[in-house]
Amino acid sequence: MVNSKIPVDLILKNLAEEADSAQKRMGKAADVLLGDLSADIATTPYDVVYQQDRVKLKHYKPLIKKKLQTPLLLIYALINRETMLDLQPGKSVVENFLKQGVDVYMIDWGYPTRKDRYLGIDDHVNIYINDIVDFIREQNKVPKINILGVCMGGTFSVMFSALHPEKVQNLVTTVTPTNFDIDTGLLNIWMRNLPVEQITNTFGNIPGDFLNFGFLLLNPARLMLDKYVGFCEHLDDKVFVENFLRMEKWIFDSPDIPGETFREFIRDCFQQNLLIQNKMEVGGTRVDLKKLTMPLLNIYGKFDHLVPPEACELLTGAVGSEDTEDICLQTGHIGIYVSSRCQKEFTPKITKWLSERDEQPKKKRRSAAGTANSRTPKTSRKNKVVAG
């Protein structure tokens, strides 16, 4: 008879210890889940100083004395909510800018309704963004402002800055797609073959839940399985649970996208790649990237599965500015804004870059209403509200 070499006693001992540890963890997890949990997001104080239709302008209250004379406007994407930039204390892009003496404004695109179905890129770029920029310029008595765009909001920022370069002091683009003719990333391949006309004719406005489901399918193992397994493994960690709930709250707070804007963006950008070729027209005017003569800082993520580096890195070589810089961070699409490691270099780098270029033109400017390239008011302007 052969003696077994399996250490049965050791195995049983380890199983007993693991069972005891699991029981204690589950007890602590119950206390965490049944106790008071904070899932509040976007808690940095602000005032709504301007509103037009569903679109609001947030102006954040300063934390220290202003160090830059030029205000900064943050332009988020129409997909999901701008609250990503103010997710929680300690992991807030907005809060970090305020701590460095930056005067911060941010656009809240709100929740489109059926009446917004036919609002296109022109309405967002040449009316909403343009009017907001004029308001900030007038409020601060400056001829130009700084703009930081995020993802689709960065693409809109590029379009606006090319169409209205006289209003932009410095432009910062973050995870901003401008070159869509790439095979890196499943999203670009899907969008290239998307029956966009059928989808917009069917839905009108594109439901946020429909888009979220598509994003989940880009990496289902990680986005629909791994993260919830990780959540179960950390149920006894209150900080982890609260952070998880905040992120989930943000992810599933998904406004619809105006149907015409979605149709134009997919057709002109993803399917025809007109922007980087200087062939795209917005409001009847060609978007010429050579008119981007202001300083440009272009930041993107090396591991971004939604907007890969190849979608971002051609921009600085296509513009007319001689003051450009590319920064590729070792992170993904969202990590740039919420990763503790990235937070230590993201906003400090931008603030330093902006401060080095903070001199305003000395020539006296005309009022915002009399500025060249100002547009004839459209019907939607009747709902404009200015506060403060």
Protein backbone atom coordinates (compact mmCIF):
# COMPACT_ATOMS: atom_id res chain seq x y z
CA MET A 1 0.00 0.00 0.00
CA VAL A 2 1.35 3.43 -1.05
CA ASN A 3 1.21 6.20 1.55
CA SER A 4 -0.59 9.32 0.32
CA LYS A 5 1.60 12.44 0.10
CA ILE A 6 -1.38 14.81 0.11
CA PRO A 7 -1.21 16.96 3.28
CA VAL A 8 -4.83 16.42 4.26
CA ASP A 9 -4.46 18.05 7.66
CA LEU A 10 -2.97 21.19 6.11
CA ILE A 11 -5.73 21.39 3.51
CA LEU A 12 -8.45 21.04 6.14
CA LYS A 13 -6.74 23.66 8.28
CA ASN A 14 -6.61 26.13 5.37
CA LEU A 15 -10.25 25.47 4.51
CA ALA A 16 -11.27 26.14 8.10
CA GLU A 17 -9.29 29.37 8.19
CA GLU A 18 -10.75 30.51 4.86
CA ALA A 19 -14.27 29.71 6.03
CA ASP A 20 -13.71 31.67 9.23
CA SER A 21 -12.27 34.58 7.27
CA ALA A 22 -15.16 34.52 4.80
CA GLN A 23 -17.68 34.50 7.64
CA LYS A 24 -16.05 37.56 9.20
CA ARG A 25 -15.93 39.33 5.81
CA MET A 26 -19.60 38.62 5.18
CA GLY A 27 -20.46 39.94 8.62
CA LYS A 28 -18.54 43.13 7.92
CA ALA A 29 -20.07 43.31 4.42
CA ALA A 30 -23.54 43.18 5.95
CA ASP A 31 -22.64 46.09 8.21
CA VAL A 32 -21.36 48.06 5.21
CA LEU A 33 -24.33 47.36 2.94
CA LEU A 34 -26.95 47.93 5.63
CA GLY A 35 -25.23 51.01 7.01
CA ASP A 36 -25.12 54.58 5.73
CA LEU A 37 -23.52 54.74 2.28
CA SER A 38 -22.74 57.93 0.42
CA ALA A 39 -23.15 57.75 -3.36
CA ASP A 40 -23.43 61.49 -3.97
CA ILE A 41 -21.60 62.79 -7.02
CA ALA A 42 -20.91 66.29 -8.33
CA THR A 43 -20.76 67.87 -4.87
CA THR A 44 -18.38 70.75 -5.66
CA PRO A 45 -20.40 73.98 -5.11
CA TYR A 46 -21.43 75.94 -8.21
CA ASP A 47 -23.99 78.43 -9.50
CA VAL A 48 -25.99 78.06 -12.69
CA VAL A 49 -25.22 81.42 -14.29
CA TYR A 50 -26.71 80.89 -17.74
CA GLN A 51 -29.32 78.69 -19.37
CA GLN A 52 -30.57 78.26 -22.91
CA ASP A 53 -33.23 75.63 -23.53
CA ARG A 54 -32.04 72.44 -21.76
CA VAL A 55 -28.39 73.58 -21.68
CA LYS A 56 -27.00 75.11 -18.48
CA LEU A 57 -23.68 76.72 -17.61
CA LYS A 58 -22.17 75.90 -14.23
CA HIS A 59 -19.74 78.37 -12.64
CA TYR A 60 -17.83 76.80 -9.76
CA LYS A 61 -17.15 78.71 -6.58
CA PRO A 62 -13.43 79.39 -6.04
CA LEU A 63 -11.46 77.57 -3.35
CA ILE A 64 -8.46 79.94 -3.46
CA LYS A 65 -7.65 83.27 -5.05
CA LYS A 66 -7.77 83.15 -8.84
CA LYS A 67 -4.29 82.68 -10.34
CA LEU A 68 -5.17 82.69 -14.05
CA GLN A 69 -6.86 85.72 -15.57
CA THR A 70 -8.37 83.62 -18.36
CA PRO A 71 -11.39 81.49 -17.37
CA LEU A 72 -11.58 77.83 -18.38
CA LEU A 73 -14.67 76.29 -20.00
CA LEU A 74 -15.05 72.50 -19.76
CA ILE A 75 -17.05 70.95 -22.62
CA TYR A 76 -18.11 67.36 -22.02
CA ALA A 77 -19.56 64.89 -24.52
CA LEU A 78 -23.29 64.52 -25.15
CA ILE A 79 -22.90 60.88 -24.10
CA ASN A 80 -23.26 60.31 -20.33
CA ARG A 81 -22.96 63.31 -18.02
CA GLU A 82 -20.40 65.96 -17.25
CA THR A 83 -20.49 64.85 -13.60
CA MET A 84 -17.62 62.49 -14.49
CA LEU A 85 -15.35 65.53 -14.09
CA ASP A 86 -16.61 66.02 -10.53
CA LEU A 87 -17.21 62.45 -9.47
CA GLN A 88 -16.26 62.72 -5.80
CA PRO A 89 -14.07 64.74 -3.45
CA GLY A 90 -10.43 63.80 -3.93
CA LYS A 91 -11.16 62.43 -7.41
CA SER A 92 -12.55 65.53 -9.05
CA VAL A 93 -11.01 67.27 -12.06
CA VAL A 94 -13.07 70.35 -11.24
CA GLU A 95 -11.96 70.42 -7.60
CA ASN A 96 -8.32 70.02 -8.58
CA PHE A 97 -8.50 72.94 -11.00
CA LEU A 98 -10.12 75.09 -8.31
CA LYS A 99 -7.37 74.19 -5.85
CA GLN A 100 -4.85 75.52 -8.38
CA GLY A 101 -6.61 78.85 -8.79
CA VAL A 102 -8.39 78.21 -12.10
CA ASP A 103 -11.74 79.92 -12.74
CA VAL A 104 -13.88 76.99 -13.92
CA TYR A 105 -17.08 76.91 -15.97
CA MET A 106 -18.70 73.72 -17.30
CA ILE A 107 -21.52 73.00 -19.74
CA ASP A 108 -24.36 70.78 -18.55
CA TRP A 109 -26.06 69.52 -21.74
CA GLY A 110 -29.12 68.40 -19.80
CA TYR A 111 -31.60 65.80 -21.00
CA PRO A 112 -32.85 66.14 -24.59
CA THR A 113 -36.57 65.72 -25.22
CA ARG A 114 -38.54 65.01 -28.39
CA LYS A 115 -38.40 68.65 -29.42
CA ASP A 116 -34.58 68.38 -29.66
CA ARG A 117 -34.78 65.63 -32.29
CA TYR A 118 -33.67 67.86 -35.17
CA LEU A 119 -30.89 69.77 -33.37
CA GLY A 120 -27.63 69.09 -35.19
CA ILE A 121 -23.94 69.75 -34.65
CA ASP A 122 -24.40 73.32 -35.89
CA ASP A 123 -26.90 74.01 -33.09
CA HIS A 124 -24.52 72.69 -30.44
CA VAL A 125 -21.35 74.33 -31.78
CA ASN A 126 -22.52 77.61 -33.27
CA ILE A 127 -25.40 78.39 -30.93
CA TYR A 128 -25.06 76.72 -27.53
CA ILE A 129 -21.25 76.74 -27.24
CA ASN A 130 -20.88 80.05 -29.06
CA ASP A 131 -23.44 81.84 -26.88
CA ILE A 132 -21.93 80.40 -23.71
CA VAL A 133 -18.42 81.48 -24.75
CA ASP A 134 -19.72 84.99 -25.47
CA PHE A 135 -21.41 85.07 -22.06
CA ILE A 136 -18.20 84.07 -20.26
CA ARG A 137 -16.16 86.60 -22.25
CA GLU A 138 -18.60 89.38 -21.42
CA GLN A 139 -18.90 88.39 -17.76
CA ASN A 140 -15.12 88.36 -17.31
CA LYS A 141 -14.35 91.30 -19.66
CA VAL A 142 -11.84 89.25 -21.65
CA PRO A 143 -11.62 88.84 -25.44
CA LYS A 144 -10.77 85.13 -25.28
CA ILE A 145 -11.25 82.15 -22.97
CA ASN A 146 -9.57 78.78 -22.49
CA ILE A 147 -11.46 75.66 -23.57
CA LEU A 148 -10.97 72.05 -22.44
CA GLY A 149 -12.93 69.46 -24.41
CA VAL A 150 -13.62 65.86 -23.45
CA CYS A 151 -14.22 63.07 -26.00
CA MET A 152 -17.10 64.12 -28.31
CA GLY A 153 -17.11 67.43 -26.46
CA GLY A 154 -13.47 67.80 -27.48
CA THR A 155 -14.42 67.21 -31.11
CA PHE A 156 -17.04 69.95 -30.77
CA SER A 157 -14.36 72.15 -29.16
CA VAL A 158 -12.07 71.62 -32.15
CA MET A 159 -14.88 72.57 -34.52
CA PHE A 160 -15.78 75.66 -32.50
CA SER A 161 -12.18 76.82 -32.19
CA ALA A 162 -11.64 76.46 -35.93
CA LEU A 163 -14.84 78.39 -36.70
CA HIS A 164 -14.31 81.07 -34.00
CA PRO A 165 -10.54 81.23 -33.37
CA GLU A 166 -10.74 84.85 -32.26
CA LYS A 167 -12.59 83.74 -29.10
CA VAL A 168 -10.21 81.00 -27.91
CA GLN A 169 -7.00 81.74 -26.03
CA ASN A 170 -5.83 78.16 -25.52
CA LEU A 171 -7.37 74.81 -26.48
CA VAL A 172 -6.96 71.58 -24.51
CA THR A 173 -8.32 68.37 -26.02
CA THR A 174 -8.59 65.22 -23.91
CA VAL A 175 -9.40 61.75 -25.33
CA THR A 176 -10.72 63.64 -28.34
CA PRO A 177 -11.33 61.75 -31.60
CA THR A 178 -10.47 63.69 -34.75
CA ASN A 179 -9.25 60.87 -37.03
CA PHE A 180 -11.88 58.17 -37.47
CA ASP A 181 -10.33 56.16 -40.30
CA ILE A 182 -8.72 53.56 -38.04
CA ASP A 183 -9.15 49.86 -37.37
CA THR A 184 -7.90 50.09 -33.79
CA GLY A 185 -10.82 49.70 -31.45
CA LEU A 186 -14.06 47.86 -32.12
CA LEU A 187 -16.13 51.05 -31.84
CA ASN A 188 -14.69 52.56 -35.02
CA ILE A 189 -15.34 49.35 -36.97
CA TRP A 190 -18.93 49.14 -35.75
CA MET A 191 -19.71 52.81 -36.44
CA ARG A 192 -18.27 52.58 -39.94
CA ASN A 193 -20.99 50.07 -40.85
CA LEU A 194 -23.80 51.38 -38.65
CA PRO A 195 -27.17 51.89 -40.46
CA VAL A 196 -27.41 55.35 -38.94
CA GLU A 197 -30.33 56.54 -41.09
CA GLN A 198 -32.47 53.59 -40.04
CA ILE A 199 -31.57 54.01 -36.37
CA THR A 200 -32.36 57.74 -36.23
CA ASN A 201 -35.57 57.25 -38.23
CA THR A 202 -36.62 54.56 -35.76
CA PHE A 203 -35.68 56.19 -32.47
CA GLY A 204 -35.67 59.92 -33.16
CA ASN A 205 -33.39 60.80 -30.25
CA ILE A 206 -30.94 57.98 -29.59
CA PRO A 207 -31.70 56.42 -26.17
CA GLY A 208 -28.91 56.56 -23.63
CA ASP A 209 -29.64 52.96 -22.58
CA PHE A 210 -29.20 51.83 -26.20
CA LEU A 211 -25.77 53.47 -26.33
CA ASN A 212 -24.77 52.09 -22.93
CA PHE A 213 -25.60 48.56 -24.03
CA GLY A 214 -23.43 49.04 -27.12
CA PHE A 215 -20.51 50.25 -24.99
CA LEU A 216 -20.87 47.21 -22.70
CA LEU A 217 -20.66 44.89 -25.70
CA LEU A 218 -17.28 46.35 -26.64
CA ASN A 219 -15.77 44.43 -23.71
CA PRO A 220 -18.47 42.31 -22.07
CA ALA A 221 -16.16 40.12 -19.99
CA ARG A 222 -14.62 43.06 -18.19
CA LEU A 223 -17.61 45.44 -18.14
CA MET A 224 -20.37 42.95 -17.34
CA LEU A 225 -18.58 40.22 -15.35
CA ASP A 226 -15.18 41.16 -13.95
CA LYS A 227 -16.21 44.40 -12.31
CA TYR A 228 -19.10 42.79 -10.43
CA VAL A 229 -16.89 39.91 -9.32
CA GLY A 230 -14.48 42.54 -8.02
CA PHE A 231 -17.36 44.28 -6.26
CA CYS A 232 -18.33 41.06 -4.46
CA GLU A 233 -14.73 40.55 -3.38
CA HIS A 234 -14.68 43.99 -1.71
CA LEU A 235 -18.13 44.10 -0.11
CA ASP A 236 -16.52 44.59 3.30
CA ASP A 237 -14.67 47.75 2.16
CA LYS A 238 -16.94 50.76 2.63
CA VAL A 239 -14.75 53.14 0.62
CA PHE A 240 -14.60 50.68 -2.28
CA VAL A 241 -18.38 50.13 -2.20
CA GLU A 242 -19.10 53.87 -2.17
CA ASN A 243 -16.72 54.50 -5.06
CA PHE A 244 -18.31 51.63 -6.99
CA LEU A 245 -21.80 53.00 -6.44
CA ARG A 246 -20.75 56.49 -7.57
CA MET A 247 -19.33 55.11 -10.79
CA GLU A 248 -22.42 52.99 -11.44
CA LYS A 249 -24.63 55.99 -10.75
CA TRP A 250 -22.70 58.01 -13.32
CA ILE A 251 -22.64 55.24 -15.94
CA PHE A 252 -26.38 54.69 -15.90
CA ASP A 253 -27.29 58.38 -15.79
CA SER A 254 -27.30 58.48 -19.57
CA PRO A 255 -29.20 61.20 -21.44
CA ASP A 256 -30.50 60.58 -24.93
CA ILE A 257 -28.63 62.17 -27.85
CA PRO A 258 -30.48 64.44 -30.30
CA GLY A 259 -31.09 62.28 -33.36
CA GLU A 260 -29.79 64.71 -35.96
CA THR A 261 -26.56 65.32 -34.04
CA PHE A 262 -26.01 61.56 -33.79
CA ARG A 263 -26.70 61.08 -37.51
CA GLU A 264 -24.31 63.86 -38.55
CA PHE A 265 -21.56 62.77 -36.19
CA ILE A 266 -21.65 59.14 -37.33
CA ARG A 267 -21.96 60.01 -41.02
CA ASP A 268 -19.48 62.90 -41.26
CA CYS A 269 -16.92 61.68 -38.74
CA PHE A 270 -16.96 57.91 -38.30
CA GLN A 271 -18.07 57.01 -41.81
CA GLN A 272 -16.53 59.75 -43.99
CA ASN A 273 -13.73 61.04 -41.70
CA LEU A 274 -14.26 64.59 -42.94
CA LEU A 275 -12.90 66.53 -39.95
CA ILE A 276 -9.20 65.65 -40.14
CA GLN A 277 -9.34 66.16 -43.93
CA ASN A 278 -10.68 69.74 -43.56
CA LYS A 279 -13.76 68.72 -45.51
CA MET A 280 -16.40 68.88 -42.79
CA GLU A 281 -19.01 71.63 -42.89
CA VAL A 282 -20.85 72.94 -39.85
CA GLY A 283 -23.60 75.49 -40.42
CA GLY A 284 -22.56 75.86 -44.04
CA THR A 285 -18.94 76.74 -43.17
CA ARG A 286 -16.02 74.41 -43.76
CA VAL A 287 -14.09 73.49 -40.61
CA ASP A 288 -10.48 74.31 -41.55
CA LEU A 289 -8.11 72.95 -38.91
CA LYS A 290 -5.40 75.33 -40.15
CA LYS A 291 -7.41 78.08 -38.47
CA LEU A 292 -6.58 76.49 -35.12
CA THR A 293 -3.71 78.91 -34.52
CA MET A 294 -4.04 79.10 -30.75
CA PRO A 295 -1.81 76.94 -28.48
CA LEU A 296 -3.05 73.34 -28.42
CA LEU A 297 -2.48 70.67 -25.75
CA ASN A 298 -3.67 67.23 -26.86
CA ILE A 299 -3.98 64.53 -24.16
CA TYR A 300 -5.08 60.93 -24.70
CA GLY A 301 -4.82 57.46 -23.14
CA LYS A 302 -2.56 54.68 -24.35
CA PHE A 303 -5.06 51.97 -23.33
CA ASP A 304 -8.25 53.78 -24.39
CA HIS A 305 -10.58 51.22 -26.04
CA LEU A 306 -13.12 53.89 -27.07
CA VAL A 307 -10.79 56.57 -28.46
CA PRO A 308 -7.44 54.89 -29.21
CA PRO A 309 -4.28 57.00 -29.59
CA GLU A 310 -4.52 56.63 -33.37
CA ALA A 311 -7.80 58.57 -33.26
CA CYS A 312 -6.16 61.50 -31.45
CA GLU A 313 -2.53 61.85 -32.43
CA LEU A 314 -2.91 63.34 -35.93
CA LEU A 315 -4.56 66.53 -34.67
CA THR A 316 -1.46 68.50 -33.67
CA GLY A 317 0.07 67.91 -37.10
CA ALA A 318 -3.06 69.11 -38.90
CA VAL A 319 -3.58 72.49 -37.18
CA GLY A 320 -2.11 75.89 -38.00
CA SER A 321 -0.69 76.48 -34.52
CA GLU A 322 3.07 76.39 -33.98
CA ASP A 323 2.56 75.79 -30.25
CA THR A 324 1.30 72.23 -29.87
CA GLU A 325 1.99 69.34 -27.53
CA ASP A 326 0.86 65.71 -27.36
CA ILE A 327 0.70 63.79 -24.07
CA CYS A 328 -0.11 60.07 -23.98
CA LEU A 329 -0.98 58.89 -20.47
CA GLN A 330 -0.68 55.25 -19.40
CA THR A 331 -4.39 54.79 -18.79
CA GLY A 332 -7.79 54.24 -20.41
CA HIS A 333 -10.72 56.41 -21.43
CA ILE A 334 -12.12 57.14 -17.97
CA GLY A 335 -8.93 56.60 -15.97
CA ILE A 336 -7.58 59.96 -17.11
CA TYR A 337 -10.25 61.66 -14.99
CA VAL A 338 -10.68 59.33 -12.00
CA SER A 339 -7.41 57.43 -11.56
CA SER A 340 -5.54 58.58 -8.46
CA ARG A 341 -2.24 58.26 -10.33
CA CYS A 342 -3.44 60.31 -13.32
CA GLN A 343 -4.99 62.94 -11.06
CA LYS A 344 -1.52 63.77 -9.78
CA GLU A 345 -0.30 64.79 -13.24
CA PHE A 346 -3.41 65.59 -15.31
CA THR A 347 -4.70 68.88 -13.88
CA PRO A 348 -1.28 70.15 -12.66
CA LYS A 349 0.13 69.72 -16.17
CA ILE A 350 -2.81 71.53 -17.77
CA THR A 351 -2.75 74.36 -15.22
CA LYS A 352 0.99 74.87 -15.68
CA TRP A 353 0.59 74.82 -19.46
CA LEU A 354 -2.25 77.35 -19.33
CA SER A 355 -0.44 79.64 -16.88
CA GLU A 356 2.53 79.85 -19.24
CA ARG A 357 0.15 81.13 -21.94
CA ASP A 358 -2.14 83.29 -19.83
CA GLU A 359 -1.38 86.71 -21.31
CA GLN A 360 -4.52 88.26 -22.74
CA PRO A 361 -4.38 90.44 -25.88
CA LYS A 362 -3.95 94.08 -24.92
CA LYS A 363 -5.98 95.44 -27.83
CA LYS A 364 -9.40 96.62 -26.73
CA ARG A 365 -12.07 94.29 -28.01
CA ARG A 366 -15.56 94.95 -29.20
CA SER A 367 -18.51 93.69 -27.18
CA ALA A 368 -19.45 90.06 -27.60
CA ALA A 369 -22.55 91.05 -29.56
CA GLY A 370 -20.45 92.91 -32.12
CA THR A 371 -17.74 90.31 -32.58
CA ALA A 372 -17.01 89.09 -36.08
CA ASN A 373 -18.47 85.65 -36.79
CA SER A 374 -21.32 86.19 -34.33
CA ARG A 375 -24.38 84.46 -35.73
CA THR A 376 -27.90 85.53 -36.48
CA PRO A 377 -30.12 84.46 -33.59
CA LYS A 378 -32.19 81.31 -34.14
CA THR A 379 -35.58 80.47 -32.70
CA SER A 380 -34.10 78.52 -29.79
CA ARG A 381 -32.55 81.69 -28.39
CA LYS A 382 -35.94 82.79 -27.04
CA ASN A 383 -35.43 80.42 -24.11
CA LYS A 384 -32.15 81.97 -23.03
CA VAL A 385 -31.87 82.73 -19.33
CA VAL A 386 -28.98 84.58 -17.71
CA ALA A 387 -28.49 84.51 -13.95
CA GLY A 388 -26.10 86.31 -11.65
